[in-house]
Amino acid sequence: MLQNPAVRTWLGGIEPAWTLLGQASFDALRRPPSPTAGPVRLAADLTWDELQQSAAASNALVLLCSASMGAGLQLTATGNLSRSVVAEMVDRFTWPGFDKADAFRFHKVINEPDFLPVFFLRHLAQCPSGNNLA
């Protein structure tokens, strides 16, 4: 496909990221998502110790427990978690490679999109119907 001059002109000299994929990964992109072999899978047979070893599982539990307390988690008008909720999650989350001091070196306050662990987990935990955690 990239040998076609019209395609190369259309791309304007930019090499698409998918050209770096192996054949199996490229083929997977061309198929509908698999319910059993996707990038994120939920297992129902993990022990408590196994769950605690997963940053995603243990922090999702923190987020979901917070959401289940009281009236849920406060959202902004755009649907993101409020700054107060994000500040609480910054304090409570344990995430590999995340340094709270580094985060505040670049931001006075941290919004949900600035704290990728909570941004990722909220989207992962959000109901497919669009209902939020609140």
C-alpha atoms as a PDB file:
ATOM      1  CA  MET A   1       0.000   0.000   0.000  1.00  0.00           C
ATOM      2  CA  LEU A   2       2.811   2.442   0.853  1.00  0.00           C
ATOM      3  CA  GLN A   3       4.401   1.696  -2.518  1.00  0.00           C
ATOM      4  CA  ASN A   4       1.480   3.471  -4.199  1.00  0.00           C
ATOM      5  CA  PRO A   5       2.559   7.085  -5.056  1.00  0.00           C
ATOM      6  CA  ALA A   6      -0.971   8.409  -4.484  1.00  0.00           C
ATOM      7  CA  VAL A   7      -1.003   6.965  -0.949  1.00  0.00           C
ATOM      8  CA  ARG A   8       2.444   8.393  -0.198  1.00  0.00           C
ATOM      9  CA  THR A   9       1.328  11.816  -1.468  1.00  0.00           C
ATOM     10  CA  TRP A  10      -1.842  11.635   0.621  1.00  0.00           C
ATOM     11  CA  LEU A  11       0.230  10.796   3.733  1.00  0.00           C
ATOM     12  CA  GLY A  12       2.440  13.821   3.066  1.00  0.00           C
ATOM     13  CA  GLY A  13       5.669  12.069   4.019  1.00  0.00           C
ATOM     14  CA  ILE A  14       4.342  10.792   7.353  1.00  0.00           C
ATOM     15  CA  GLU A  15       4.902   7.113   8.019  1.00  0.00           C
ATOM     16  CA  PRO A  16       1.860   5.631   9.809  1.00  0.00           C
ATOM     17  CA  ALA A  17       2.472   3.978  13.189  1.00  0.00           C
ATOM     18  CA  TRP A  18       0.862   0.744  11.989  1.00  0.00           C
ATOM     19  CA  THR A  19       3.830   0.185   9.658  1.00  0.00           C
ATOM     20  CA  LEU A  20       5.859  -0.636  12.779  1.00  0.00           C
ATOM     21  CA  LEU A  21       3.537  -3.507  13.735  1.00  0.00           C
ATOM     22  CA  GLY A  22       4.258  -7.165  13.157  1.00  0.00           C
ATOM     23  CA  GLN A  23       1.927  -9.040  10.826  1.00  0.00           C
ATOM     24  CA  ALA A  24      -0.129 -10.613  13.656  1.00  0.00           C
ATOM     25  CA  SER A  25      -0.707  -7.222  15.315  1.00  0.00           C
ATOM     26  CA  PHE A  26      -1.580  -5.609  11.986  1.00  0.00           C
ATOM     27  CA  ASP A  27      -4.072  -8.401  11.233  1.00  0.00           C
ATOM     28  CA  ALA A  28      -5.626  -7.941  14.692  1.00  0.00           C
ATOM     29  CA  LEU A  29      -6.255  -4.255  13.907  1.00  0.00           C
ATOM     30  CA  ARG A  30      -8.209  -5.257  10.825  1.00  0.00           C
ATOM     31  CA  ARG A  31     -10.591  -7.559  12.739  1.00  0.00           C
ATOM     32  CA  PRO A  32     -13.350  -6.675  15.204  1.00  0.00           C
ATOM     33  CA  PRO A  33     -12.210  -6.711  18.861  1.00  0.00           C
ATOM     34  CA  SER A  34     -12.087 -10.154  20.411  1.00  0.00           C
ATOM     35  CA  PRO A  35     -14.086 -10.647  23.620  1.00  0.00           C
ATOM     36  CA  THR A  36     -11.437 -13.075  24.888  1.00  0.00           C
ATOM     37  CA  ALA A  37      -8.137 -11.792  23.485  1.00  0.00           C
ATOM     38  CA  GLY A  38      -8.383  -8.016  23.723  1.00  0.00           C
ATOM     39  CA  PRO A  39      -5.802  -5.657  25.196  1.00  0.00           C
ATOM     40  CA  VAL A  40      -7.793  -5.426  28.444  1.00  0.00           C
ATOM     41  CA  ARG A  41      -9.371  -8.578  29.794  1.00  0.00           C
ATOM     42  CA  LEU A  42     -11.070  -9.181  33.108  1.00  0.00           C
ATOM     43  CA  ALA A  43     -10.454 -12.447  34.911  1.00  0.00           C
ATOM     44  CA  ALA A  44     -12.912 -13.747  37.461  1.00  0.00           C
ATOM     45  CA  ASP A  45     -10.605 -16.362  38.971  1.00  0.00           C
ATOM     46  CA  LEU A  46      -7.779 -14.288  40.454  1.00  0.00           C
ATOM     47  CA  THR A  47      -6.819 -14.547  44.106  1.00  0.00           C
ATOM     48  CA  TRP A  48      -6.753 -11.465  46.333  1.00  0.00           C
ATOM     49  CA  ASP A  49      -2.936 -11.516  46.256  1.00  0.00           C
ATOM     50  CA  GLU A  50      -2.950 -11.618  42.442  1.00  0.00           C
ATOM     51  CA  LEU A  51      -5.365  -8.665  42.320  1.00  0.00           C
ATOM     52  CA  GLN A  52      -3.143  -6.654  44.664  1.00  0.00           C
ATOM     53  CA  GLN A  53      -0.188  -7.146  42.302  1.00  0.00           C
ATOM     54  CA  SER A  54      -2.051  -5.363  39.514  1.00  0.00           C
ATOM     55  CA  ALA A  55      -1.883  -1.565  39.647  1.00  0.00           C
ATOM     56  CA  ALA A  56      -4.985  -1.397  37.456  1.00  0.00           C
ATOM     57  CA  ALA A  57      -7.035  -3.813  39.596  1.00  0.00           C
ATOM     58  CA  SER A  58      -6.015  -2.441  42.988  1.00  0.00           C
ATOM     59  CA  ASN A  59      -6.498   1.199  41.983  1.00  0.00           C
ATOM     60  CA  ALA A  60      -9.774   0.449  40.191  1.00  0.00           C
ATOM     61  CA  LEU A  61     -10.957  -0.957  43.505  1.00  0.00           C
ATOM     62  CA  VAL A  62      -9.972   2.319  45.218  1.00  0.00           C
ATOM     63  CA  LEU A  63     -11.877   4.300  42.567  1.00  0.00           C
ATOM     64  CA  LEU A  64     -14.959   2.065  42.666  1.00  0.00           C
ATOM     65  CA  CYS A  65     -15.070   2.032  46.477  1.00  0.00           C
ATOM     66  CA  SER A  66     -14.924   5.832  46.480  1.00  0.00           C
ATOM     67  CA  ALA A  67     -17.709   5.927  43.902  1.00  0.00           C
ATOM     68  CA  SER A  68     -19.889   3.670  46.035  1.00  0.00           C
ATOM     69  CA  MET A  69     -19.658   5.958  49.070  1.00  0.00           C
ATOM     70  CA  GLY A  70     -22.372   8.565  49.529  1.00  0.00           C
ATOM     71  CA  ALA A  71     -23.581  10.272  46.380  1.00  0.00           C
ATOM     72  CA  GLY A  72     -20.799   8.964  44.148  1.00  0.00           C
ATOM     73  CA  LEU A  73     -17.982  10.907  42.542  1.00  0.00           C
ATOM     74  CA  GLN A  74     -18.448  14.526  41.575  1.00  0.00           C
ATOM     75  CA  LEU A  75     -18.057  15.265  37.856  1.00  0.00           C
ATOM     76  CA  THR A  76     -17.318  18.452  35.977  1.00  0.00           C
ATOM     77  CA  ALA A  77     -19.620  19.872  33.312  1.00  0.00           C
ATOM     78  CA  THR A  78     -17.474  18.104  30.686  1.00  0.00           C
ATOM     79  CA  GLY A  79     -17.882  14.718  32.415  1.00  0.00           C
ATOM     80  CA  ASN A  80     -14.411  14.473  33.951  1.00  0.00           C
ATOM     81  CA  LEU A  81     -13.876  13.773  37.617  1.00  0.00           C
ATOM     82  CA  SER A  82     -13.747  16.956  39.701  1.00  0.00           C
ATOM     83  CA  ARG A  83     -10.410  18.305  40.899  1.00  0.00           C
ATOM     84  CA  SER A  84     -11.233  17.311  44.493  1.00  0.00           C
ATOM     85  CA  VAL A  85     -11.850  13.705  43.435  1.00  0.00           C
ATOM     86  CA  VAL A  86      -8.661  13.662  41.343  1.00  0.00           C
ATOM     87  CA  ALA A  87      -6.683  15.124  44.274  1.00  0.00           C
ATOM     88  CA  GLU A  88      -7.983  12.338  46.510  1.00  0.00           C
ATOM     89  CA  MET A  89      -7.057   9.683  43.924  1.00  0.00           C
ATOM     90  CA  VAL A  90      -3.571  11.187  43.493  1.00  0.00           C
ATOM     91  CA  ASP A  91      -3.105  10.678  47.240  1.00  0.00           C
ATOM     92  CA  ARG A  92      -4.622   7.196  47.339  1.00  0.00           C
ATOM     93  CA  PHE A  93      -3.367   5.587  44.110  1.00  0.00           C
ATOM     94  CA  THR A  94      -0.171   3.607  43.947  1.00  0.00           C
ATOM     95  CA  TRP A  95       0.960   3.512  40.325  1.00  0.00           C
ATOM     96  CA  PRO A  96       4.310   2.354  38.926  1.00  0.00           C
ATOM     97  CA  GLY A  97       6.372   5.282  37.687  1.00  0.00           C
ATOM     98  CA  PHE A  98       4.035   7.957  39.056  1.00  0.00           C
ATOM     99  CA  ASP A  99       5.743  10.543  41.238  1.00  0.00           C
ATOM    100  CA  LYS A 100       3.372  12.983  42.913  1.00  0.00           C
ATOM    101  CA  ALA A 101       6.102  15.600  43.329  1.00  0.00           C
ATOM    102  CA  ASP A 102       6.879  15.452  39.599  1.00  0.00           C
ATOM    103  CA  ALA A 103       3.200  15.864  38.730  1.00  0.00           C
ATOM    104  CA  PHE A 104       2.904  19.029  40.813  1.00  0.00           C
ATOM    105  CA  ARG A 105       6.111  20.419  39.384  1.00  0.00           C
ATOM    106  CA  PHE A 106       4.238  20.973  36.104  1.00  0.00           C
ATOM    107  CA  HIS A 107       0.706  21.656  37.413  1.00  0.00           C
ATOM    108  CA  LYS A 108      -0.681  23.673  40.343  1.00  0.00           C
ATOM    109  CA  VAL A 109      -3.747  21.465  40.325  1.00  0.00           C
ATOM    110  CA  ILE A 110      -4.209  18.152  38.574  1.00  0.00           C
ATOM    111  CA  ASN A 111      -7.236  17.598  36.383  1.00  0.00           C
ATOM    112  CA  GLU A 112      -8.366  14.120  35.401  1.00  0.00           C
ATOM    113  CA  PRO A 113      -6.646  14.097  31.966  1.00  0.00           C
ATOM    114  CA  ASP A 114      -3.385  15.171  33.673  1.00  0.00           C
ATOM    115  CA  PHE A 115      -3.404  12.066  35.893  1.00  0.00           C
ATOM    116  CA  LEU A 116      -3.430   9.232  33.359  1.00  0.00           C
ATOM    117  CA  PRO A 117      -3.983   6.391  35.870  1.00  0.00           C
ATOM    118  CA  VAL A 118      -7.323   7.828  37.036  1.00  0.00           C
ATOM    119  CA  PHE A 119      -8.246   8.896  33.491  1.00  0.00           C
ATOM    120  CA  PHE A 120      -7.602   5.355  32.203  1.00  0.00           C
ATOM    121  CA  LEU A 121      -9.363   3.608  35.090  1.00  0.00           C
ATOM    122  CA  ARG A 122     -12.434   5.851  34.998  1.00  0.00           C
ATOM    123  CA  HIS A 123     -12.887   5.085  31.330  1.00  0.00           C
ATOM    124  CA  LEU A 124     -12.269   1.395  31.966  1.00  0.00           C
ATOM    125  CA  ALA A 125     -14.801   1.293  34.797  1.00  0.00           C
ATOM    126  CA  GLN A 126     -17.425   3.502  33.164  1.00  0.00           C
ATOM    127  CA  CYS A 127     -20.570   1.676  32.155  1.00  0.00           C
ATOM    128  CA  PRO A 128     -20.863   1.101  28.378  1.00  0.00           C
ATOM    129  CA  SER A 129     -24.243   2.838  28.393  1.00  0.00           C
ATOM    130  CA  GLY A 130     -22.450   6.074  29.186  1.00  0.00           C
ATOM    131  CA  ASN A 131     -23.511   6.230  32.845  1.00  0.00           C
ATOM    132  CA  ASN A 132     -20.742   7.735  34.884  1.00  0.00           C
ATOM    133  CA  LEU A 133     -19.415   6.618  38.234  1.00  0.00           C
ATOM    134  CA  ALA A 134     -21.440   9.310  39.950  1.00  0.00           C
END
